[in-house]
Amino acid sequence: MRIVLADFMSLDGVVQAPGHDKEDTEAGFAHGGWSFRFFDAETMGAAVDATMAKTQALLFGRRTWQVMAEAWPQRAGDPFADRMNEIPKYVASTTLSEADMTWNNSRLLPSDDVLGAVAELRGQHGGDLQVMGSADLARQFVQKDLVDEYRLMIEPITLGGGKRLFPDDGEARPLELVSVTQTPTGVLICTYRPNTTAGQ
């Protein structure tokens, strides 16, 4: 299985709280919902649908899972919502318990070895394991070279600070641009994969 990171990203690399104002205000982040003004349903909606079509399960950090678990069950009847509700969901958290897993098909990863459990999932046969948001968790996957593909919607705005997808650890990680589509709103829908041959 492949780990795919799917994110709305500002031009200065911020992925925090693209959906709404109260999504994630950690560290005083005041720009929640910043991505909505740039959403183009035809191109970006199609890209989201294409990603979901290849997704076998979702991987979440606690905060993103809680936001999603509050929103999606109420939208049953919409095809995308139904897909979100039925798909298996794995949650990384040290504070939630199995009793908290009320959103359909959600299960906790072992808190003492999240990365090991994810590496084991990645080693199984199947489709994609998609990480939606969950910046802290996704950044750990990047650091451990567990990411197989990045699907980024790079939006024409700078936010001046906030959570970023890529670690600030001094490591160079060459990528290969697989595809790019420009939307009428100025968003670049980019697919990247690790370039293991760069520099050889």
Protein backbone atom coordinates (compact mmCIF):
# COMPACT_ATOMS: atom_id res chain seq x y z
CA MET A 1 0.00 0.00 0.00
CA ARG A 2 1.12 3.58 -0.61
CA ILE A 3 1.00 6.47 1.83
CA VAL A 4 -0.38 9.55 0.10
CA LEU A 5 -0.39 12.98 1.73
CA ALA A 6 -3.24 15.15 0.42
CA ASP A 7 -3.18 18.79 1.52
CA PHE A 8 -4.34 22.29 0.77
CA MET A 9 -1.16 24.35 1.10
CA SER A 10 -0.48 28.08 1.10
CA LEU A 11 2.31 29.47 -1.03
CA ASP A 12 4.50 29.75 2.08
CA GLY A 13 3.89 26.10 2.96
CA VAL A 14 1.19 26.33 5.63
CA VAL A 15 -1.39 23.52 5.85
CA GLN A 16 -3.07 24.49 9.14
CA ALA A 17 -6.87 24.84 9.30
CA PRO A 18 -7.77 25.25 5.62
CA GLY A 19 -11.40 24.29 6.21
CA HIS A 20 -12.95 26.64 8.76
CA ASP A 21 -12.11 29.24 11.37
CA LYS A 22 -12.26 26.97 14.44
CA GLU A 23 -10.60 23.95 12.83
CA ASP A 24 -7.21 24.45 14.50
CA THR A 25 -6.35 27.64 16.39
CA GLU A 26 -3.24 26.22 18.05
CA ALA A 27 -0.44 28.76 18.59
CA GLY A 28 -2.92 31.56 17.91
CA PHE A 29 -3.50 30.69 14.25
CA ALA A 30 -6.08 33.22 13.06
CA HIS A 31 -6.61 32.37 9.39
CA GLY A 32 -8.82 29.26 9.63
CA GLY A 33 -10.83 28.62 6.46
CA TRP A 34 -8.27 30.36 4.25
CA SER A 35 -8.61 27.90 1.36
CA PHE A 36 -12.33 28.29 0.63
CA ARG A 37 -12.06 31.41 -1.52
CA PHE A 38 -9.83 29.52 -3.96
CA PHE A 39 -11.85 26.30 -4.24
CA ASP A 40 -12.84 25.48 -7.81
CA ALA A 41 -15.38 22.66 -7.76
CA GLU A 42 -14.72 21.44 -11.29
CA THR A 43 -10.96 20.96 -11.13
CA MET A 44 -10.28 20.64 -7.40
CA GLY A 45 -13.41 18.56 -6.74
CA ALA A 46 -12.40 16.18 -9.51
CA ALA A 47 -8.89 15.89 -8.05
CA VAL A 48 -10.27 15.09 -4.59
CA ASP A 49 -12.61 12.47 -6.08
CA ALA A 50 -9.76 10.89 -8.05
CA THR A 51 -7.63 10.63 -4.92
CA MET A 52 -10.48 9.08 -2.93
CA ALA A 53 -11.14 6.55 -5.70
CA LYS A 54 -7.67 5.07 -5.12
CA THR A 55 -7.85 5.31 -1.32
CA GLN A 56 -8.37 2.13 0.68
CA ALA A 57 -8.11 3.70 4.14
CA LEU A 58 -7.54 7.06 5.80
CA LEU A 59 -4.87 7.96 8.37
CA PHE A 60 -5.58 10.74 10.88
CA GLY A 61 -4.04 12.51 13.82
CA ARG A 62 -6.34 13.13 16.76
CA ARG A 63 -7.36 16.72 16.04
CA THR A 64 -8.19 16.19 12.36
CA TRP A 65 -10.07 12.99 13.12
CA GLN A 66 -12.20 14.76 15.73
CA VAL A 67 -13.05 17.59 13.31
CA MET A 68 -13.99 15.09 10.61
CA ALA A 69 -15.89 12.81 13.00
CA GLU A 70 -18.05 15.74 14.02
CA ALA A 71 -18.83 16.82 10.47
CA TRP A 72 -19.18 13.86 8.12
CA PRO A 73 -21.75 11.58 9.82
CA GLN A 74 -24.26 14.44 9.57
CA ARG A 75 -23.84 14.59 5.80
CA ALA A 76 -24.97 11.03 5.05
CA GLY A 77 -26.71 10.71 1.71
CA ASP A 78 -24.08 12.63 -0.25
CA PRO A 79 -21.86 10.22 -2.24
CA PHE A 80 -18.60 11.72 -0.97
CA ALA A 81 -19.87 11.82 2.61
CA ASP A 82 -21.02 8.21 2.35
CA ARG A 83 -17.55 7.24 1.15
CA MET A 84 -15.95 9.12 4.05
CA ASN A 85 -18.24 7.41 6.52
CA GLU A 86 -17.76 3.88 5.21
CA ILE A 87 -14.01 3.84 4.53
CA PRO A 88 -11.65 2.40 7.21
CA LYS A 89 -10.02 5.11 9.31
CA TYR A 90 -6.88 4.74 11.44
CA VAL A 91 -6.27 7.27 14.22
CA ALA A 92 -3.01 8.17 15.95
CA SER A 93 -3.66 9.47 19.47
CA THR A 94 -2.29 9.12 22.97
CA THR A 95 -5.42 10.56 24.58
CA LEU A 96 -8.35 8.94 22.78
CA SER A 97 -9.60 5.44 23.65
CA GLU A 98 -11.45 2.79 21.68
CA ALA A 99 -14.65 4.04 23.36
CA ASP A 100 -14.12 7.38 21.59
CA MET A 101 -14.08 5.73 18.16
CA THR A 102 -17.72 6.55 17.42
CA TRP A 103 -17.23 7.48 13.77
CA ASN A 104 -17.97 4.42 11.65
CA ASN A 105 -14.98 2.17 10.84
CA SER A 106 -12.53 4.15 13.00
CA ARG A 107 -9.83 2.37 14.95
CA LEU A 108 -6.91 3.49 17.07
CA LEU A 109 -3.32 2.81 16.12
CA PRO A 110 -1.18 1.53 19.03
CA SER A 111 -0.03 4.66 20.86
CA ASP A 112 3.35 3.15 21.73
CA ASP A 113 4.30 2.42 18.10
CA VAL A 114 2.26 4.47 15.62
CA LEU A 115 5.02 4.57 13.00
CA GLY A 116 5.61 0.84 13.27
CA ALA A 117 1.91 0.13 12.82
CA VAL A 118 1.76 2.43 9.80
CA ALA A 119 4.84 0.82 8.27
CA GLU A 120 3.13 -2.55 8.71
CA LEU A 121 -0.02 -1.27 6.97
CA ARG A 122 2.14 0.15 4.18
CA GLY A 123 3.67 -3.28 3.67
CA GLN A 124 0.31 -4.89 2.97
CA HIS A 125 -1.21 -5.36 -0.47
CA GLY A 126 -3.90 -2.86 -1.40
CA GLY A 127 -4.71 0.70 -2.43
CA ASP A 128 -3.62 4.00 -0.96
CA LEU A 129 -3.46 5.05 2.68
CA GLN A 130 -4.42 8.71 2.46
CA VAL A 131 -3.45 11.25 5.11
CA MET A 132 -5.85 14.20 5.16
CA GLY A 133 -4.48 17.20 7.01
CA SER A 134 -3.01 15.90 10.29
CA ALA A 135 0.12 18.02 9.87
CA ASP A 136 1.99 16.75 12.94
CA LEU A 137 1.44 13.11 11.98
CA ALA A 138 2.19 13.70 8.31
CA ARG A 139 5.44 15.46 9.16
CA GLN A 140 6.58 12.35 11.06
CA PHE A 141 5.87 10.24 7.97
CA VAL A 142 7.98 12.63 5.88
CA GLN A 143 10.86 12.43 8.36
CA LYS A 144 10.79 8.61 8.33
CA ASP A 145 10.61 8.40 4.51
CA LEU A 146 7.22 6.68 4.64
CA VAL A 147 5.53 8.94 2.07
CA ASP A 148 5.01 7.54 -1.42
CA GLU A 149 3.15 10.47 -2.97
CA TYR A 150 2.24 14.09 -2.24
CA ARG A 151 -0.95 15.55 -3.69
CA LEU A 152 -0.79 19.24 -2.95
CA MET A 153 -3.19 22.02 -3.85
CA ILE A 154 -0.88 25.03 -3.67
CA GLU A 155 -2.99 28.14 -3.22
CA PRO A 156 -2.15 31.77 -4.09
CA ILE A 157 -1.95 33.11 -0.55
CA THR A 158 0.73 33.50 2.11
CA LEU A 159 -0.27 33.12 5.75
CA GLY A 160 2.85 34.26 7.55
CA GLY A 161 3.06 31.31 9.92
CA GLY A 162 1.31 28.14 10.97
CA LYS A 163 1.78 24.39 10.79
CA ARG A 164 3.75 23.14 7.83
CA LEU A 165 3.88 19.74 6.20
CA PHE A 166 7.62 19.49 5.71
CA PRO A 167 9.99 19.19 8.68
CA ASP A 168 12.53 21.90 9.40
CA ASP A 169 15.31 19.40 10.02
CA GLY A 170 17.96 20.39 7.49
CA GLU A 171 17.39 17.27 5.35
CA ALA A 172 17.12 17.55 1.56
CA ARG A 173 14.33 15.44 0.06
CA PRO A 174 14.31 15.56 -3.76
CA LEU A 175 10.90 15.13 -5.39
CA GLU A 176 9.70 14.35 -8.90
CA LEU A 177 6.79 16.37 -10.31
CA VAL A 178 4.36 13.81 -11.74
CA SER A 179 1.55 16.14 -12.79
CA VAL A 180 0.33 19.70 -12.42
CA THR A 181 -3.03 21.33 -13.20
CA GLN A 182 -3.84 25.02 -12.86
CA THR A 183 -7.33 26.04 -11.74
CA PRO A 184 -9.17 29.24 -12.74
CA THR A 185 -8.67 30.47 -9.16
CA GLY A 186 -4.88 30.26 -9.41
CA VAL A 187 -4.43 27.02 -7.46
CA LEU A 188 -1.80 24.57 -8.68
CA ILE A 189 -2.82 20.93 -8.18
CA CYS A 190 0.52 19.16 -8.00
CA THR A 191 1.43 15.51 -7.60
CA TYR A 192 4.96 14.73 -6.43
CA ARG A 193 6.78 11.51 -5.61
CA PRO A 194 10.13 11.00 -3.88
CA ASN A 195 12.93 11.11 -6.42
CA THR A 196 15.33 8.44 -5.24
CA THR A 197 17.64 8.85 -8.24
CA ALA A 198 18.29 12.59 -7.83
CA GLY A 199 22.00 13.32 -7.53
CA GLN A 200 23.08 9.85 -8.65
